């Protein structure tokens, strides 16, 4: 797993999964490890294996990155929700029937008040079927992302270049 957190003082604590940084009630005993690099740009990049135990690493890293840029109070909760949904989709669906592969979160600022996030995997896109939505409260991730983001795009990859990338932009309001 790789975490690049430019200018975030708590990056080492995020990388080591300390409970006070991984503020998530769903965190299990599993603690993800990460390599941390501090870069000079305003970009965050986090890579995990598509397993539910590693998802809190995304949330903690993104929250710290948004806080360091004073963006958490503007659209932070919308951004965190969209990333949670996109990551959950990758973890649950991307590598169905195969070994879990990578999921990569990239976040960057565009100007003073716009944040673009991308969540990418190398799995195969599966078109939802009616059975996928048979369980109440399931199959709503993309709708939630579209509801909270200003712009959303989904690249479903191709059979020769598999992978799904969900990109969302959030402007300051």
Foldseek 3Di string as FASTA:
>chain_A
DEKEAAPQPCVQVLQQQDCVLLVDPPADPDTHHYDYDHDDALKIKDKDWLDPNCVSSVLSRLVSSCVSLVNCVFQVVLVSLLVSLVSPCCSPPFQVPHGTDMWMWMWGDDPNFKIKIKIKDQGADDDDDPVQPPDPPGPCNVVSNPVRFPDWDWDQADPVRGMIMIMGMHGGD
